[in-house]
């Protein structure tokens, strides 16, 4: 995914390149995996996102358990 992804919706703002998420003007600190998962969900709004898709993006195909997802 490109590093310059930026989207605003309702009272939210997400900037991937800078690595932040704002909700109602408040900065919410997210870890890299959390940012990756959020980006996948935003890019696929209204669509089904599978566990496999999330693992491929956020965990880069590494072994992970259901508990960590």
N, C-alpha and C. Protein backbone atom coordinates (compact mmCIF):
# COMPACT_ATOMS: atom_id res chain seq x y z
N UNK A 1 0.84 -1.18 0.00
CA UNK A 1 0.00 0.00 0.00
C UNK A 1 0.87 1.24 0.00
N UNK A 2 0.41 2.25 -0.71
CA UNK A 2 1.25 3.44 -0.80
C UNK A 2 1.33 4.15 0.54
N UNK A 3 2.39 4.91 0.72
CA UNK A 3 2.62 5.60 1.99
C UNK A 3 1.90 6.93 2.11
N UNK A 4 1.20 7.36 1.05
CA UNK A 4 0.57 8.67 1.08
C UNK A 4 -0.94 8.60 1.20
N UNK A 5 -1.49 7.45 1.55
CA UNK A 5 -2.94 7.27 1.66
C UNK A 5 -3.50 8.23 2.71
N UNK A 6 -4.51 9.02 2.33
CA UNK A 6 -5.11 10.01 3.22
C UNK A 6 -6.61 10.02 2.95
N UNK A 7 -7.40 9.92 4.01
CA UNK A 7 -8.85 9.94 3.84
C UNK A 7 -9.50 10.61 5.05
N UNK A 8 -10.58 11.33 4.78
CA UNK A 8 -11.38 11.96 5.84
C UNK A 8 -12.81 11.44 5.69
N UNK A 9 -13.44 11.11 6.79
CA UNK A 9 -14.84 10.69 6.77
C UNK A 9 -15.44 11.01 8.13
N UNK A 10 -16.69 11.50 8.10
CA UNK A 10 -17.36 11.96 9.32
C UNK A 10 -16.40 12.86 10.10
N UNK A 11 -16.12 12.52 11.36
CA UNK A 11 -15.19 13.29 12.19
C UNK A 11 -13.84 12.61 12.33
N UNK A 12 -13.46 11.85 11.31
CA UNK A 12 -12.23 11.08 11.36
C UNK A 12 -11.28 11.50 10.23
N UNK A 13 -9.99 11.38 10.52
CA UNK A 13 -8.96 11.64 9.51
C UNK A 13 -7.85 10.60 9.68
N UNK A 14 -7.47 10.00 8.57
CA UNK A 14 -6.45 8.97 8.57
C UNK A 14 -5.39 9.34 7.55
N UNK A 15 -4.13 9.43 7.99
CA UNK A 15 -3.00 9.70 7.10
C UNK A 15 -1.96 8.61 7.30
N UNK A 16 -1.83 7.77 6.30
CA UNK A 16 -0.91 6.64 6.41
C UNK A 16 0.55 7.08 6.41
N UNK A 17 0.91 8.00 5.54
CA UNK A 17 2.30 8.42 5.42
C UNK A 17 2.85 9.02 6.69
N UNK A 18 2.00 9.71 7.44
CA UNK A 18 2.43 10.33 8.69
C UNK A 18 2.18 9.37 9.85
N UNK A 19 1.28 8.42 9.66
CA UNK A 19 1.02 7.41 10.69
C UNK A 19 0.13 7.90 11.80
N UNK A 20 -0.96 8.59 11.47
CA UNK A 20 -1.85 8.99 12.54
C UNK A 20 -3.31 8.83 12.15
N UNK A 21 -4.14 8.83 13.19
CA UNK A 21 -5.58 8.74 13.05
C UNK A 21 -6.16 9.75 14.02
N UNK A 22 -7.00 10.63 13.51
CA UNK A 22 -7.68 11.62 14.35
C UNK A 22 -9.16 11.29 14.40
N UNK A 23 -9.73 11.40 15.59
CA UNK A 23 -11.17 11.21 15.77
C UNK A 23 -11.70 12.42 16.52
N UNK A 24 -12.58 13.17 15.88
CA UNK A 24 -13.16 14.38 16.48
C UNK A 24 -12.08 15.34 16.96
N UNK A 25 -11.00 15.45 16.21
CA UNK A 25 -9.92 16.37 16.54
C UNK A 25 -8.89 15.84 17.51
N UNK A 26 -9.08 14.65 18.03
CA UNK A 26 -8.14 14.06 18.98
C UNK A 26 -7.26 13.05 18.26
N UNK A 27 -5.95 13.14 18.49
CA UNK A 27 -5.03 12.18 17.90
C UNK A 27 -5.09 10.88 18.67
N UNK A 28 -5.25 9.80 17.94
CA UNK A 28 -5.26 8.48 18.54
C UNK A 28 -3.99 7.77 18.10
N UNK A 29 -3.17 7.42 19.06
CA UNK A 29 -1.91 6.74 18.75
C UNK A 29 -2.18 5.27 18.47
N UNK A 30 -1.78 4.84 17.29
CA UNK A 30 -1.94 3.45 16.89
C UNK A 30 -0.59 2.86 16.52
N UNK A 31 -0.42 1.61 16.81
CA UNK A 31 0.80 0.89 16.45
C UNK A 31 0.75 0.55 14.96
N UNK A 32 1.90 0.24 14.36
CA UNK A 32 1.94 -0.04 12.93
C UNK A 32 0.94 -1.10 12.45
N UNK A 33 0.81 -2.19 13.18
CA UNK A 33 -0.15 -3.24 12.78
C UNK A 33 -1.57 -2.70 12.84
N UNK A 34 -1.87 -1.92 13.87
CA UNK A 34 -3.21 -1.34 14.00
C UNK A 34 -3.50 -0.38 12.84
N UNK A 35 -2.50 0.41 12.46
CA UNK A 35 -2.67 1.31 11.31
C UNK A 35 -2.91 0.51 10.03
N UNK A 36 -2.19 -0.58 9.87
CA UNK A 36 -2.36 -1.42 8.68
C UNK A 36 -3.75 -2.02 8.61
N UNK A 37 -4.22 -2.56 9.74
CA UNK A 37 -5.57 -3.14 9.78
C UNK A 37 -6.61 -2.07 9.50
N UNK A 38 -6.47 -0.91 10.12
CA UNK A 38 -7.42 0.18 9.89
C UNK A 38 -7.43 0.60 8.43
N UNK A 39 -6.27 0.68 7.81
CA UNK A 39 -6.20 1.06 6.40
C UNK A 39 -6.93 0.04 5.52
N UNK A 40 -6.73 -1.23 5.78
CA UNK A 40 -7.42 -2.27 5.00
C UNK A 40 -8.93 -2.11 5.15
N UNK A 41 -9.38 -1.88 6.36
CA UNK A 41 -10.82 -1.74 6.59
C UNK A 41 -11.38 -0.48 5.92
N UNK A 42 -10.64 0.62 5.98
CA UNK A 42 -11.08 1.86 5.33
C UNK A 42 -11.13 1.68 3.81
N UNK A 43 -10.08 1.10 3.25
CA UNK A 43 -10.03 0.90 1.79
C UNK A 43 -11.12 -0.04 1.29
N UNK A 44 -11.60 -0.91 2.17
CA UNK A 44 -12.60 -1.89 1.78
C UNK A 44 -13.94 -1.63 2.47
N UNK A 45 -14.23 -0.39 2.78
CA UNK A 45 -15.49 -0.04 3.45
C UNK A 45 -16.67 -0.60 2.67
N UNK A 46 -17.55 -1.26 3.40
CA UNK A 46 -18.73 -1.86 2.78
C UNK A 46 -18.51 -3.22 2.17
N UNK A 47 -17.27 -3.70 2.23
CA UNK A 47 -16.94 -5.02 1.68
C UNK A 47 -16.50 -5.95 2.79
N UNK A 48 -16.61 -7.22 2.54
CA UNK A 48 -16.12 -8.22 3.48
C UNK A 48 -14.60 -8.28 3.41
N UNK A 49 -13.95 -8.20 4.56
CA UNK A 49 -12.50 -8.33 4.65
C UNK A 49 -12.22 -9.62 5.40
N UNK A 50 -11.47 -10.50 4.79
CA UNK A 50 -11.20 -11.80 5.41
C UNK A 50 -10.01 -11.73 6.37
N UNK A 51 -9.97 -12.71 7.23
CA UNK A 51 -8.84 -12.82 8.15
C UNK A 51 -7.54 -12.98 7.36
N UNK A 52 -7.60 -13.72 6.28
CA UNK A 52 -6.42 -13.93 5.44
C UNK A 52 -5.92 -12.60 4.88
N UNK A 53 -6.81 -11.74 4.43
CA UNK A 53 -6.40 -10.43 3.92
C UNK A 53 -5.70 -9.62 5.01
N UNK A 54 -6.25 -9.64 6.21
CA UNK A 54 -5.65 -8.88 7.31
C UNK A 54 -4.26 -9.42 7.65
N UNK A 55 -4.14 -10.74 7.69
CA UNK A 55 -2.84 -11.35 7.99
C UNK A 55 -1.83 -10.99 6.91
N UNK A 56 -2.24 -11.04 5.65
CA UNK A 56 -1.33 -10.72 4.54
C UNK A 56 -0.80 -9.30 4.63
N UNK A 57 -1.64 -8.38 5.08
CA UNK A 57 -1.23 -6.97 5.12
C UNK A 57 -0.52 -6.63 6.43
N UNK A 58 -1.13 -6.93 7.55
CA UNK A 58 -0.60 -6.48 8.84
C UNK A 58 0.49 -7.39 9.38
N UNK A 59 0.37 -8.68 9.13
CA UNK A 59 1.36 -9.63 9.66
C UNK A 59 2.30 -10.12 8.57
N UNK A 60 2.13 -9.61 7.38
CA UNK A 60 3.01 -9.93 6.24
C UNK A 60 3.21 -11.44 6.05
N UNK A 61 2.14 -12.22 6.29
CA UNK A 61 2.20 -13.65 6.08
C UNK A 61 2.92 -14.43 7.16
N UNK A 62 3.38 -13.79 8.21
CA UNK A 62 4.08 -14.53 9.28
C UNK A 62 3.07 -15.35 10.08
N UNK A 63 3.58 -16.35 10.76
CA UNK A 63 2.71 -17.18 11.57
C UNK A 63 2.11 -16.35 12.69
N UNK A 64 0.81 -16.48 12.86
CA UNK A 64 0.11 -15.75 13.90
C UNK A 64 -1.06 -16.59 14.38
N UNK A 65 -1.54 -16.31 15.58
CA UNK A 65 -2.65 -17.07 16.13
C UNK A 65 -3.93 -16.23 16.06
N UNK A 66 -5.06 -16.89 16.20
CA UNK A 66 -6.34 -16.17 16.23
C UNK A 66 -6.38 -15.16 17.37
N UNK A 67 -5.73 -15.47 18.47
CA UNK A 67 -5.72 -14.58 19.63
C UNK A 67 -5.04 -13.25 19.34
N UNK A 68 -4.02 -13.27 18.48
CA UNK A 68 -3.30 -12.02 18.19
C UNK A 68 -4.04 -11.16 17.18
N UNK A 69 -5.04 -11.75 16.52
CA UNK A 69 -5.81 -11.00 15.55
C UNK A 69 -7.05 -10.49 16.24
